[in-house]
C-alpha atoms as a PDB file:
ATOM      1  CA  MET A   1      85.906  92.576  94.456  1.00  0.00           C
ATOM      2  CA  PRO A   2      87.433  90.384  97.180  1.00  0.00           C
ATOM      3  CA  TYR A   3      91.157  90.422  97.905  1.00  0.00           C
ATOM      4  CA  SER A   4      93.128  87.250  97.408  1.00  0.00           C
ATOM      5  CA  GLU A   5      96.832  86.596  97.150  1.00  0.00           C
ATOM      6  CA  TRP A   6      97.911  84.756  94.021  1.00  0.00           C
ATOM      7  CA  ARG A   7     100.191  81.750  94.109  1.00  0.00           C
ATOM      8  CA  PRO A   8     101.654  79.998  91.043  1.00  0.00           C
ATOM      9  CA  GLY A   9      99.274  77.423  89.640  1.00  0.00           C
ATOM     10  CA  VAL A  10      96.197  78.822  91.412  1.00  0.00           C
ATOM     11  CA  ALA A  11      93.404  79.725  88.992  1.00  0.00           C
ATOM     12  CA  VAL A  12      92.511  83.396  88.965  1.00  0.00           C
ATOM     13  CA  SER A  13      88.959  84.598  88.415  1.00  0.00           C
ATOM     14  CA  SER A  14      88.012  87.854  86.716  1.00  0.00           C
ATOM     15  CA  PRO A  15      88.417  90.672  87.322  1.00  0.00           C
ATOM     16  CA  VAL A  16      91.930  91.157  88.715  1.00  0.00           C
ATOM     17  CA  TYR A  17      93.165  94.534  89.943  1.00  0.00           C
ATOM     18  CA  LEU A  18      96.919  94.975  89.544  1.00  0.00           C
ATOM     19  CA  ASP A  19      98.645  97.195  92.072  1.00  0.00           C
ATOM     20  CA  SER A  20     101.942  99.014  91.643  1.00  0.00           C
ATOM     21  CA  GLY A  21     103.908  96.304  93.451  1.00  0.00           C
ATOM     22  CA  VAL A  22     103.079  93.777  90.736  1.00  0.00           C
ATOM     23  CA  ILE A  23     103.863  96.226  87.963  1.00  0.00           C
ATOM     24  CA  ILE A  24     107.188  97.317  89.457  1.00  0.00           C
ATOM     25  CA  ALA A  25     108.228  93.710  90.081  1.00  0.00           C
ATOM     26  CA  ALA A  26     107.349  92.770  86.491  1.00  0.00           C
ATOM     27  CA  PHE A  27     109.607  95.481  85.062  1.00  0.00           C
ATOM     28  CA  VAL A  28     112.698  95.069  87.247  1.00  0.00           C
ATOM     29  CA  ARG A  29     114.502  91.793  86.621  1.00  0.00           C
ATOM     30  CA  LEU A  30     116.624  92.236  89.750  1.00  0.00           C
ATOM     31  CA  ASP A  31     113.504  92.477  91.925  1.00  0.00           C
ATOM     32  CA  VAL A  32     113.110  89.337  94.038  1.00  0.00           C
ATOM     33  CA  ARG A  33     109.442  89.235  92.955  1.00  0.00           C
ATOM     34  CA  TYR A  34     110.222  89.438  89.218  1.00  0.00           C
ATOM     35  CA  LYS A  35     109.689  85.771  88.313  1.00  0.00           C
ATOM     36  CA  LYS A  36     106.461  85.550  90.288  1.00  0.00           C
ATOM     37  CA  ALA A  37     105.114  88.801  88.793  1.00  0.00           C
ATOM     38  CA  ALA A  38     106.036  87.742  85.248  1.00  0.00           C
ATOM     39  CA  ARG A  39     104.368  84.362  85.771  1.00  0.00           C
ATOM     40  CA  LEU A  40     101.246  86.028  87.143  1.00  0.00           C
ATOM     41  CA  LEU A  41     100.970  88.280  84.088  1.00  0.00           C
ATOM     42  CA  GLY A  42     101.474  85.271  81.832  1.00  0.00           C
ATOM     43  CA  GLU A  43      98.746  83.303  83.595  1.00  0.00           C
ATOM     44  CA  LEU A  44      96.362  86.271  83.456  1.00  0.00           C
ATOM     45  CA  LEU A  45      96.911  86.551  79.710  1.00  0.00           C
ATOM     46  CA  ALA A  46      96.578  82.825  79.118  1.00  0.00           C
ATOM     47  CA  ALA A  47      93.313  82.720  81.072  1.00  0.00           C
ATOM     48  CA  GLN A  48      92.054  85.900  79.367  1.00  0.00           C
ATOM     49  CA  VAL A  49      91.308  87.389  82.771  1.00  0.00           C
ATOM     50  CA  HIS A  50      89.832  90.904  82.859  1.00  0.00           C
ATOM     51  CA  ILE A  51      92.672  93.112  84.176  1.00  0.00           C
ATOM     52  CA  LEU A  52      91.935  96.326  86.026  1.00  0.00           C
ATOM     53  CA  ILE A  53      94.416  99.082  86.789  1.00  0.00           C
ATOM     54  CA  SER A  54      94.024 102.654  87.922  1.00  0.00           C
ATOM     55  CA  THR A  55      95.716 105.880  87.004  1.00  0.00           C
ATOM     56  CA  LEU A  56      96.884 105.949  90.633  1.00  0.00           C
ATOM     57  CA  THR A  57      98.538 102.554  90.105  1.00  0.00           C
ATOM     58  CA  LEU A  58     100.315 103.876  87.017  1.00  0.00           C
ATOM     59  CA  SER A  59     101.481 106.952  88.880  1.00  0.00           C
ATOM     60  CA  GLU A  60     102.668 104.892  91.874  1.00  0.00           C
ATOM     61  CA  SER A  61     104.469 102.482  89.539  1.00  0.00           C
ATOM     62  CA  LEU A  62     106.364 105.252  87.779  1.00  0.00           C
ATOM     63  CA  TRP A  63     107.193 106.928  91.088  1.00  0.00           C
ATOM     64  CA  GLY A  64     108.367 103.621  92.549  1.00  0.00           C
ATOM     65  CA  LEU A  65     110.525 102.868  89.513  1.00  0.00           C
ATOM     66  CA  ALA A  66     112.052 106.339  89.711  1.00  0.00           C
ATOM     67  CA  LYS A  67     112.934 105.783  93.376  1.00  0.00           C
ATOM     68  CA  LEU A  68     114.303 102.308  92.705  1.00  0.00           C
ATOM     69  CA  SER A  69     116.402 103.679  89.842  1.00  0.00           C
ATOM     70  CA  TYR A  70     117.733 106.466  92.080  1.00  0.00           C
ATOM     71  CA  CYS A  71     118.667 103.895  94.736  1.00  0.00           C
ATOM     72  CA  GLU A  72     120.481 101.722  92.192  1.00  0.00           C
ATOM     73  CA  ILE A  73     122.391 104.674  90.745  1.00  0.00           C
ATOM     74  CA  HIS A  74     123.526 105.935  94.154  1.00  0.00           C
ATOM     75  CA  LYS A  75     123.738 102.518  95.829  1.00  0.00           C
ATOM     76  CA  HIS A  76     121.198 103.475  98.490  1.00  0.00           C
ATOM     77  CA  PRO A  77     118.963 100.967 100.271  1.00  0.00           C
ATOM     78  CA  SER A  78     115.358 100.921  99.041  1.00  0.00           C
ATOM     79  CA  GLY A  79     114.166 102.479 102.320  1.00  0.00           C
ATOM     80  CA  VAL A  80     116.084 105.722 101.718  1.00  0.00           C
ATOM     81  CA  HIS A  81     114.208 109.029 101.985  1.00  0.00           C
ATOM     82  CA  TRP A  82     112.577 109.949  98.653  1.00  0.00           C
ATOM     83  CA  SER A  83     110.836 113.185  97.713  1.00  0.00           C
ATOM     84  CA  PRO A  84     109.835 115.325  94.728  1.00  0.00           C
ATOM     85  CA  ASP A  85     112.886 117.506  95.375  1.00  0.00           C
ATOM     86  CA  ILE A  86     115.237 114.506  95.216  1.00  0.00           C
ATOM     87  CA  TYR A  87     113.513 113.440  92.005  1.00  0.00           C
ATOM     88  CA  ARG A  88     113.899 116.919  90.460  1.00  0.00           C
ATOM     89  CA  ARG A  89     117.621 116.980  91.245  1.00  0.00           C
ATOM     90  CA  ASN A  90     118.187 113.467  89.862  1.00  0.00           C
ATOM     91  CA  HIS A  91     115.631 112.933  87.098  1.00  0.00           C
ATOM     92  CA  ALA A  92     118.168 113.438  84.278  1.00  0.00           C
ATOM     93  CA  ASP A  93     120.399 110.647  85.659  1.00  0.00           C
ATOM     94  CA  ILE A  94     117.391 108.433  86.354  1.00  0.00           C
ATOM     95  CA  PHE A  95     116.138 108.696  82.785  1.00  0.00           C
ATOM     96  CA  GLU A  96     119.598 108.451  81.246  1.00  0.00           C
ATOM     97  CA  LYS A  97     120.348 105.187  83.038  1.00  0.00           C
ATOM     98  CA  HIS A  98     116.865 103.693  83.588  1.00  0.00           C
ATOM     99  CA  GLY A  99     114.449 105.574  81.333  1.00  0.00           C
ATOM    100  CA  GLN A 100     113.796 102.387  79.421  1.00  0.00           C
ATOM    101  CA  ARG A 101     111.944 101.031  82.492  1.00  0.00           C
ATOM    102  CA  MET A 102     109.682 104.050  82.627  1.00  0.00           C
ATOM    103  CA  ASN A 103     108.868 103.871  78.931  1.00  0.00           C
ATOM    104  CA  ALA A 104     108.322 100.107  79.178  1.00  0.00           C
ATOM    105  CA  ILE A 105     105.292 100.629  81.436  1.00  0.00           C
ATOM    106  CA  HIS A 106     103.708 102.961  78.912  1.00  0.00           C
ATOM    107  CA  ASP A 107     104.561 100.644  76.016  1.00  0.00           C
ATOM    108  CA  TRP A 108     103.183  97.613  77.873  1.00  0.00           C
ATOM    109  CA  ILE A 109      99.808  99.224  78.504  1.00  0.00           C
ATOM    110  CA  ARG A 110      99.576 100.772  75.043  1.00  0.00           C
ATOM    111  CA  ASP A 111     100.494  97.500  73.350  1.00  0.00           C
ATOM    112  CA  TRP A 112      98.074  95.410  75.414  1.00  0.00           C
ATOM    113  CA  VAL A 113      95.220  97.842  74.786  1.00  0.00           C
ATOM    114  CA  GLN A 114      95.984  97.903  71.059  1.00  0.00           C
ATOM    115  CA  ALA A 115      96.169  94.085  70.993  1.00  0.00           C
ATOM    116  CA  GLY A 116      92.699  93.853  72.499  1.00  0.00           C
ATOM    117  CA  ILE A 117      93.747  92.483  75.896  1.00  0.00           C
ATOM    118  CA  ASN A 118      90.805  92.678  78.297  1.00  0.00           C
ATOM    119  CA  MET A 119      92.118  95.611  80.349  1.00  0.00           C
ATOM    120  CA  ASP A 120      90.299  98.582  81.853  1.00  0.00           C
ATOM    121  CA  VAL A 121      90.985 101.446  84.184  1.00  0.00           C
ATOM    122  CA  VAL A 122      89.091 101.951  87.419  1.00  0.00           C
ATOM    123  CA  PRO A 123      87.209 104.033  88.026  1.00  0.00           C
ATOM    124  CA  VAL A 124      85.887 103.568  84.504  1.00  0.00           C
ATOM    125  CA  GLU A 125      86.873 106.781  82.756  1.00  0.00           C
ATOM    126  CA  THR A 126      87.694 105.808  79.194  1.00  0.00           C
ATOM    127  CA  ALA A 127      88.980 109.269  78.251  1.00  0.00           C
ATOM    128  CA  ASP A 128      91.387 109.269  81.217  1.00  0.00           C
ATOM    129  CA  PHE A 129      92.659 105.775  80.375  1.00  0.00           C
ATOM    130  CA  ARG A 130      93.316 106.725  76.753  1.00  0.00           C
ATOM    131  CA  MET A 131      95.040 109.889  77.896  1.00  0.00           C
ATOM    132  CA  VAL A 132      97.373 107.913  80.188  1.00  0.00           C
ATOM    133  CA  THR A 133      98.129 105.213  77.608  1.00  0.00           C
ATOM    134  CA  GLY A 134      98.826 107.803  74.924  1.00  0.00           C
ATOM    135  CA  ALA A 135     100.741 110.411  76.901  1.00  0.00           C
ATOM    136  CA  ALA A 136     104.209 108.932  77.306  1.00  0.00           C
ATOM    137  CA  PRO A 137     106.929 109.758  74.774  1.00  0.00           C
ATOM    138  CA  GLU A 138     107.683 107.388  71.934  1.00  0.00           C
END
């Protein structure tokens, strides 16, 4: 699958692989890329484009949202050092203030899959995809 950068109004051909940057931007309204990411998702849906994501993308998206949430809570720049230890010490605050973001990613994927949106995980491991889309708390 060749790489191409999307611009508003440019037709997109199937399949399209979404990376974590697009997903994070689509779920954070303060992100400078939010409008562009939301428009891209809308155009993909309207064109019924086959959307591909990976479990790595989901993991990176959640990790990125956790870091972004930490930075917002503590008013740190986005380039601040981030580690599993920092996450462990701050995860309660992150989820108290921004847990809705984390759950929104799960809900988005679950809802699109249930609605029949043409979405698959790569590599194609149906059991893994169902596990990821069904694992987050309600």
